[in-house]
Amino acid sequence: MSCPVLELTQQLIRCRSISPDDAGCQDILIERLHRAGFTVEEINIGDTRNFWATYGGNGQTLAFAGHTDVVPAGDESQWTHPPYEPTLKDGILFGRGAADMKGSLAAMIVAAERFAESNPDPAGRLAFLITSDEEASAVNGTVKVVEKLMARNERVEYCLVGEPSSTGRVGDVVKNGRRGSITANLYIHGTQGHVAYPHLADNPVHRAAPMLDELVSIVWDEGNEFFPPTSMQIANISAGTGSNNVIPGELYVQFNFRFSTESTVESIQKRVNDLLDRHGLRYTLEWSLSGLPFLTPRGALVDAVVNAIEHYGEITPQLLTTGGTSDGRFIARMGTQVVELGPVNATIHKVDECVHAADLQLLSRMYQRVMEHLVV
């Protein structure tokens, strides 16, 4: 017995679409959507393929968002099954992108095909926003498409992102928001010299040590009912020439904040600058903001997603904002209600990434039910 969701997932896995190379995935999706009656607009920017597809009337819009790109497989000899040759074994589908997120894409497309067949003239509008630039730089993908849609005043009331949100079984967790993310690149300036003559040098590592000790102990906020407390982690640190007899002239420290709505970009930056100044350091500090926090409270979209999970999964999902960032942060800028619902995330980005084939079929039914609640 054929399974359209499984077959499409396998077809997509065979495309070696390492970010931002789409490797033909979007051609497959666009052809399917055209046949289902969608109008498809390709919005390709630089090395990134994107498209915006719509179906239906002028009512409220429900968009499904996702990405065709995947992370590299790494040492392919470590895989039990070749990463780009989808392998079904004991009901489990193995392959790079099976869970993140070609399985979700296939579930969305098949759900849309079924929805369009049953609803030839819906009052609402069903849409797709698909990119090939989510796993890498994320600069020419969803963010640029959103800017284009906003410039022409497109309305998108609801968006479901197919990121793998589930932890134990499909639908046990729905992400109804995400923390913000900002990275600091800090350079502490000293004076290079010989270790035997420290009075002729200025060691930036020694100078920065008390500051770093204080930095890691700061409580940035307590979080709130929707978000965990803001966290800070040092990601990289380096100094020195590699020689054991040279005092370094500069110390580089990179640290990242995942922040709740209780903190702002400005409040975090001010506290870091005040800390550096109080310790009397000579420094250069560069900031990179990759996303602001967003939250979708209970409302039409969350209720429709919870209803679909309760109906097909027979569980009530947790609504969480934990984890990393997603392209949902860009779509939320449109004033759109955004949630994430996708497969179990236990093997994403790992060797032998996999997903239960039955989960993809279940997910597709959930997606279709959300469409039926919000588009017709």
Protein backbone atom coordinates (compact mmCIF):
# COMPACT_ATOMS: atom_id res chain seq x y z
CA MET A 1 0.00 0.00 0.00
CA SER A 2 1.45 3.35 -1.05
CA CYS A 3 1.95 6.19 1.41
CA PRO A 4 2.15 9.60 -0.31
CA VAL A 5 3.80 11.33 2.66
CA LEU A 6 6.49 8.69 3.00
CA GLU A 7 7.15 8.57 -0.74
CA LEU A 8 7.55 12.35 -0.98
CA THR A 9 9.85 12.42 2.07
CA GLN A 10 12.05 9.78 0.46
CA GLN A 11 12.14 11.75 -2.78
CA LEU A 12 13.29 14.87 -0.91
CA ILE A 13 15.94 13.02 1.14
CA ARG A 14 17.56 11.85 -2.10
CA CYS A 15 18.30 15.50 -2.90
CA ARG A 16 21.66 16.36 -1.31
CA SER A 17 20.42 19.81 -0.28
CA ILE A 18 23.18 20.95 2.05
CA SER A 19 22.42 24.56 3.01
CA PRO A 20 21.90 26.74 1.06
CA ASP A 21 21.90 24.41 -1.98
CA ASP A 22 18.29 23.36 -2.62
CA ALA A 23 19.44 20.55 -4.96
CA GLY A 24 16.05 20.26 -6.67
CA CYS A 25 13.79 19.94 -3.63
CA GLN A 26 11.77 23.04 -4.41
CA ASP A 27 11.22 21.97 -8.02
CA ILE A 28 9.52 18.87 -6.64
CA LEU A 29 7.37 20.86 -4.21
CA ILE A 30 6.46 23.57 -6.72
CA GLU A 31 5.34 21.01 -9.28
CA ARG A 32 3.09 19.33 -6.70
CA LEU A 33 1.59 22.65 -5.59
CA HIS A 34 0.96 23.76 -9.17
CA ARG A 35 -0.98 20.57 -9.79
CA ALA A 36 -3.02 21.21 -6.63
CA GLY A 37 -4.05 24.63 -7.91
CA PHE A 38 -1.59 26.90 -6.08
CA THR A 39 -0.14 30.07 -7.55
CA VAL A 40 3.62 29.93 -6.96
CA GLU A 41 5.98 32.90 -6.89
CA GLU A 42 9.69 32.10 -6.85
CA ILE A 43 11.74 34.62 -4.86
CA ASN A 44 15.33 33.51 -5.36
CA ILE A 45 18.04 35.66 -3.78
CA GLY A 46 21.73 35.03 -4.34
CA ASP A 47 22.49 31.37 -3.71
CA THR A 48 19.16 30.83 -1.92
CA ARG A 49 15.95 29.48 -3.41
CA ASN A 50 12.66 30.63 -1.90
CA PHE A 51 9.04 30.52 -2.94
CA TRP A 52 5.69 31.90 -1.81
CA ALA A 53 2.64 29.88 -2.89
CA THR A 54 -1.04 30.68 -2.34
CA TYR A 55 -4.40 28.98 -2.82
CA GLY A 56 -7.93 30.14 -2.11
CA GLY A 57 -9.81 33.37 -1.54
CA ASN A 58 -9.23 36.71 0.11
CA GLY A 59 -10.02 35.69 3.67
CA GLN A 60 -7.55 35.13 6.47
CA THR A 61 -4.27 33.50 5.50
CA LEU A 62 -2.75 30.39 7.05
CA ALA A 63 0.85 29.92 5.91
CA PHE A 64 2.95 26.80 6.34
CA ALA A 65 6.67 27.56 6.56
CA GLY A 66 9.70 25.35 6.23
CA HIS A 67 13.13 24.80 4.72
CA THR A 68 14.49 22.35 2.17
CA ASP A 69 18.13 22.68 3.26
CA VAL A 70 19.83 20.32 5.68
CA VAL A 71 23.03 20.32 7.72
CA PRO A 72 25.99 18.28 6.39
CA ALA A 73 25.96 14.57 7.13
CA GLY A 74 29.53 14.61 8.43
CA ASP A 75 31.52 11.39 8.11
CA GLU A 76 29.11 9.34 6.01
CA SER A 77 30.94 6.13 6.92
CA GLN A 78 29.56 6.53 10.46
CA TRP A 79 25.98 6.23 9.20
CA THR A 80 24.29 2.83 9.42
CA HIS A 81 22.49 3.72 6.19
CA PRO A 82 23.77 6.23 3.58
CA PRO A 83 22.38 9.64 4.59
CA TYR A 84 21.01 10.54 1.16
CA GLU A 85 19.59 7.12 0.35
CA PRO A 86 16.33 6.99 2.36
CA THR A 87 16.05 3.64 4.09
CA LEU A 88 12.89 2.28 5.68
CA LYS A 89 13.58 -0.35 8.31
CA ASP A 90 11.10 -1.66 10.90
CA GLY A 91 8.80 1.28 10.26
CA ILE A 92 11.58 3.88 10.75
CA LEU A 93 12.78 6.09 7.92
CA PHE A 94 16.50 6.94 8.01
CA GLY A 95 18.11 9.80 6.11
CA ARG A 96 19.44 13.34 6.47
CA GLY A 97 16.45 15.64 6.78
CA ALA A 98 13.97 12.91 7.71
CA ALA A 99 13.05 14.84 10.87
CA ASP A 100 14.54 18.28 10.11
CA MET A 101 12.58 18.95 8.08
CA LYS A 102 11.82 17.10 4.86
CA GLY A 103 9.33 14.88 6.64
CA SER A 104 7.39 17.96 7.74
CA LEU A 105 7.49 19.40 4.24
CA ALA A 106 6.08 16.21 2.76
CA ALA A 107 3.36 16.12 5.43
CA MET A 108 2.43 19.73 4.63
CA ILE A 109 2.30 19.24 0.87
CA VAL A 110 0.19 16.08 1.03
CA ALA A 111 -2.14 17.74 3.55
CA ALA A 112 -2.49 20.72 1.19
CA GLU A 113 -3.25 18.44 -1.76
CA ARG A 114 -5.97 16.69 0.18
CA PHE A 115 -7.34 19.99 1.46
CA ALA A 116 -7.46 21.52 -2.03
CA GLU A 117 -9.19 18.47 -3.46
CA SER A 118 -11.92 18.72 -0.80
CA ASN A 119 -12.12 22.53 -0.81
CA PRO A 120 -12.05 23.84 -4.39
CA ASP A 121 -13.12 27.37 -3.42
CA PRO A 122 -12.23 28.20 0.21
CA ALA A 123 -12.97 31.67 1.56
CA GLY A 124 -9.63 31.80 3.32
CA ARG A 125 -6.16 31.51 1.84
CA LEU A 126 -3.66 28.70 2.29
CA ALA A 127 -0.01 29.60 1.69
CA PHE A 128 3.51 28.17 1.75
CA LEU A 129 6.73 30.04 2.55
CA ILE A 130 9.67 27.77 1.75
CA THR A 131 13.39 28.56 1.84
CA SER A 132 16.73 26.79 1.36
CA ASP A 133 18.62 29.03 3.81
CA GLU A 134 17.57 28.13 7.35
CA GLU A 135 20.36 25.86 8.53
CA ALA A 136 23.24 28.16 7.53
CA SER A 137 23.38 31.95 7.38
CA ALA A 138 19.62 32.62 7.18
CA VAL A 139 20.23 35.94 5.44
CA ASN A 140 18.72 35.39 1.97
CA GLY A 141 15.82 33.19 2.96
CA THR A 142 12.68 33.69 5.01
CA VAL A 143 13.78 37.09 6.32
CA LYS A 144 14.02 38.48 2.77
CA VAL A 145 10.73 36.94 1.68
CA VAL A 146 9.02 38.43 4.74
CA GLU A 147 10.46 41.85 3.88
CA LYS A 148 9.07 41.54 0.36
CA LEU A 149 5.64 40.45 1.61
CA MET A 150 5.52 43.29 4.14
CA ALA A 151 6.53 45.84 1.48
CA ARG A 152 3.45 44.96 -0.54
CA ASN A 153 1.19 44.74 2.53
CA GLU A 154 0.51 41.03 2.40
CA ARG A 155 -1.58 39.82 5.34
CA VAL A 156 -0.61 36.57 7.04
CA GLU A 157 -2.74 36.02 10.11
CA TYR A 158 -1.47 32.54 11.01
CA CYS A 159 1.71 30.56 10.37
CA LEU A 160 2.63 26.99 11.25
CA VAL A 161 6.35 26.22 11.05
CA GLY A 162 7.21 22.55 10.58
CA GLU A 163 10.31 22.49 12.79
CA PRO A 164 10.68 19.26 14.79
CA SER A 165 9.07 20.39 18.05
CA SER A 166 8.06 17.03 19.52
CA THR A 167 10.18 15.26 22.13
CA GLY A 168 8.67 11.83 22.86
CA ARG A 169 5.75 11.48 20.48
CA VAL A 170 4.25 13.62 17.75
CA GLY A 171 2.40 16.59 19.19
CA ASP A 172 3.57 16.34 22.79
CA VAL A 173 5.20 19.79 22.47
CA VAL A 174 4.15 22.80 20.44
CA LYS A 175 6.45 25.82 20.36
CA ASN A 176 4.30 28.92 20.65
CA GLY A 177 7.24 31.29 20.92
CA ARG A 178 11.01 31.47 20.96
CA ARG A 179 13.63 33.27 22.97
CA GLY A 180 15.69 36.02 21.42
CA SER A 181 19.34 35.43 20.51
CA ILE A 182 22.19 37.92 20.55
CA THR A 183 25.92 37.24 20.33
CA ALA A 184 28.77 39.37 21.67
CA ASN A 185 32.24 39.34 20.10
CA LEU A 186 34.52 40.88 22.72
CA TYR A 187 38.18 41.83 22.23
CA ILE A 188 40.12 42.74 25.39
CA HIS A 189 43.19 44.74 24.46
CA GLY A 190 46.51 44.34 26.26
CA THR A 191 50.19 44.68 25.41
CA GLN A 192 52.18 41.73 24.10
CA GLY A 193 55.48 40.94 25.77
CA HIS A 194 57.86 38.32 27.14
CA VAL A 195 56.57 36.21 30.01
CA ALA A 196 59.84 36.84 31.88
CA TYR A 197 59.21 40.59 31.83
CA PRO A 198 55.53 41.02 32.80
CA HIS A 199 56.15 44.58 33.96
CA LEU A 200 56.79 45.50 30.33
CA ALA A 201 53.51 43.95 29.10
CA ASP A 202 49.81 43.99 29.94
CA ASN A 203 48.19 40.55 30.00
CA PRO A 204 44.54 40.84 28.81
CA VAL A 205 43.74 37.34 30.09
CA HIS A 206 44.71 38.29 33.64
CA ARG A 207 42.84 41.57 33.39
CA ALA A 208 39.68 39.94 32.03
CA ALA A 209 39.52 36.98 34.43
CA PRO A 210 37.65 38.78 37.26
CA MET A 211 35.23 40.26 34.75
CA LEU A 212 34.53 36.86 33.17
CA ASP A 213 33.96 35.35 36.59
CA GLU A 214 31.36 38.00 37.29
CA LEU A 215 29.83 37.71 33.81
CA VAL A 216 29.00 34.03 34.20
CA SER A 217 27.41 34.57 37.63
CA ILE A 218 24.98 37.34 36.64
CA VAL A 219 21.25 36.64 36.91
CA TRP A 220 19.89 38.47 33.90
CA ASP A 221 16.20 37.99 34.69
CA GLU A 222 13.84 35.45 36.26
CA GLY A 223 11.85 34.68 33.10
CA ASN A 224 8.05 34.60 33.26
CA GLU A 225 5.13 32.23 32.81
CA PHE A 226 5.97 31.81 29.11
CA PHE A 227 9.78 32.00 29.02
CA PRO A 228 12.61 30.50 31.08
CA PRO A 229 15.15 32.94 32.51
CA THR A 230 17.60 34.56 30.11
CA SER A 231 20.80 32.52 29.84
CA MET A 232 24.35 33.46 28.83
CA GLN A 233 26.96 31.01 27.60
CA ILE A 234 30.57 31.60 26.58
CA ALA A 235 31.00 29.86 23.22
CA ASN A 236 34.59 30.66 22.23
CA ILE A 237 37.68 32.08 23.92
CA SER A 238 41.20 32.48 22.55
CA ALA A 239 44.45 34.35 23.14
CA GLY A 240 48.16 33.98 22.59
CA THR A 241 50.51 33.21 19.74
CA GLY A 242 50.91 29.52 20.52
CA SER A 243 54.25 30.12 22.19
CA ASN A 244 54.68 29.50 25.92
CA ASN A 245 56.94 32.51 26.43
CA VAL A 246 54.74 35.26 24.97
CA ILE A 247 52.20 37.28 26.92
CA PRO A 248 49.24 37.75 24.53
CA GLY A 249 48.31 41.18 23.29
CA GLU A 250 44.63 40.45 22.91
CA LEU A 251 41.94 38.15 24.33
CA TYR A 252 38.90 37.21 22.26
CA VAL A 253 35.71 36.05 23.98
CA GLN A 254 32.44 35.19 22.22
CA PHE A 255 29.29 34.74 24.26
CA ASN A 256 25.62 34.31 23.42
CA PHE A 257 22.41 35.30 25.20
CA ARG A 258 19.12 33.46 24.77
CA PHE A 259 16.80 36.03 26.24
CA SER A 260 13.22 36.19 27.42
CA THR A 261 10.78 39.06 27.07
CA GLU A 262 11.89 40.18 30.54
CA SER A 263 15.14 41.45 29.01
CA THR A 264 15.76 43.60 25.97
CA VAL A 265 18.67 43.96 23.59
CA GLU A 266 19.35 47.38 25.09
CA SER A 267 19.26 46.21 28.70
CA ILE A 268 21.64 43.31 28.00
CA GLN A 269 24.09 45.51 26.10
CA LYS A 270 24.08 48.16 28.82
CA ARG A 271 24.79 45.66 31.59
CA VAL A 272 27.69 44.15 29.65
CA ASN A 273 29.18 47.57 28.85
CA ASP A 274 28.81 48.69 32.47
CA LEU A 275 30.57 45.52 33.63
CA LEU A 276 33.49 46.03 31.25
CA ASP A 277 33.84 49.70 32.19
CA ARG A 278 33.69 48.95 35.91
CA HIS A 279 36.60 46.53 35.53
CA GLY A 280 38.62 49.19 33.73
CA LEU A 281 39.21 47.15 30.59
CA ARG A 282 40.32 48.38 27.19
CA TYR A 283 38.02 46.63 24.77
CA THR A 284 36.19 46.48 21.47
CA LEU A 285 32.70 44.96 21.56
CA GLU A 286 30.66 43.89 18.54
CA TRP A 287 27.07 42.66 18.75
CA SER A 288 25.13 40.41 16.37
CA LEU A 289 21.37 40.07 16.83
CA SER A 290 19.89 36.98 15.19
CA GLY A 291 16.36 37.21 16.56
CA LEU A 292 14.01 38.89 18.98
CA PRO A 293 11.75 36.87 21.28
CA PHE A 294 8.18 36.31 20.17
CA LEU A 295 5.12 34.74 21.76
CA THR A 296 1.79 33.51 20.39
CA PRO A 297 -0.73 33.25 23.26
CA ARG A 298 -3.86 31.13 23.19
CA GLY A 299 -6.05 32.16 20.27
CA ALA A 300 -7.34 30.85 16.96
CA LEU A 301 -4.06 29.29 15.78
CA VAL A 302 -2.97 27.72 19.05
CA ASP A 303 -6.49 26.42 19.62
CA ALA A 304 -6.65 24.88 16.13
CA VAL A 305 -3.27 23.16 16.58
CA VAL A 306 -4.15 21.85 20.04
CA ASN A 307 -7.49 20.57 18.69
CA ALA A 308 -5.75 18.72 15.84
CA ILE A 309 -3.27 17.09 18.21
CA GLU A 310 -5.96 16.08 20.67
CA HIS A 311 -8.08 14.65 17.83
CA TYR A 312 -5.40 12.59 16.07
CA GLY A 313 -2.75 12.16 18.75
CA GLU A 314 -5.10 11.82 21.72
CA ILE A 315 -2.80 13.93 23.87
CA THR A 316 -2.81 17.55 24.98
CA PRO A 317 0.46 19.26 23.98
CA GLN A 318 2.68 21.38 26.17
CA LEU A 319 3.10 24.94 24.95
CA LEU A 320 6.80 25.81 25.31
CA THR A 321 9.24 28.49 24.16
CA THR A 322 12.47 26.58 24.87
CA GLY A 323 15.13 25.59 22.38
CA GLY A 324 16.95 27.50 19.68
CA THR A 325 15.74 29.97 17.11
CA SER A 326 13.72 29.28 13.97
CA ASP A 327 12.49 31.19 10.96
CA GLY A 328 9.35 31.85 12.98
CA ARG A 329 11.18 34.86 14.44
CA PHE A 330 11.09 36.57 11.03
CA ILE A 331 7.47 35.73 10.27
CA ALA A 332 6.34 37.04 13.68
CA ARG A 333 7.47 40.51 12.57
CA MET A 334 4.39 40.63 10.34
CA GLY A 335 2.14 40.56 13.38
CA THR A 336 1.43 36.92 12.56
CA GLN A 337 0.44 34.30 15.09
CA VAL A 338 3.23 31.69 14.81
CA VAL A 339 3.56 28.18 16.22
CA GLU A 340 5.85 25.24 15.50
CA LEU A 341 4.67 21.66 15.19
CA GLY A 342 6.76 18.89 13.73
CA PRO A 343 8.25 15.41 14.28
CA VAL A 344 10.21 14.09 17.24
CA ASN A 345 13.53 15.93 17.43
CA ALA A 346 15.69 13.28 19.15
CA THR A 347 17.92 12.59 16.12
CA ILE A 348 18.06 15.94 14.32
CA HIS A 349 21.54 16.99 13.12
CA LYS A 350 22.86 13.59 14.28
CA VAL A 351 24.27 10.55 12.54
CA ASP A 352 21.41 8.19 11.57
CA GLU A 353 18.75 10.92 11.67
CA CYS A 354 15.39 9.18 11.48
CA VAL A 355 11.65 9.43 11.98
CA HIS A 356 8.83 6.92 12.42
CA ALA A 357 7.02 6.65 9.11
CA ALA A 358 3.67 6.47 10.89
CA ASP A 359 4.48 9.79 12.61
CA LEU A 360 4.68 11.55 9.25
CA GLN A 361 1.25 10.29 8.26
CA LEU A 362 -0.13 11.38 11.62
CA LEU A 363 1.49 14.79 11.27
CA SER A 364 -0.04 15.26 7.82
CA ARG A 365 -3.51 14.58 9.21
CA MET A 366 -2.91 17.12 11.98
CA TYR A 367 -1.80 19.72 9.44
CA GLN A 368 -4.88 19.09 7.31
CA ARG A 369 -7.18 19.51 10.28
CA VAL A 370 -5.56 22.86 11.09
CA MET A 371 -6.20 23.93 7.50
CA GLU A 372 -9.83 22.89 7.76
CA HIS A 373 -10.26 24.93 10.95
CA LEU A 374 -8.67 28.16 9.73
CA VAL A 375 -8.97 28.37 5.93
CA VAL A 376 -12.48 27.24 4.94
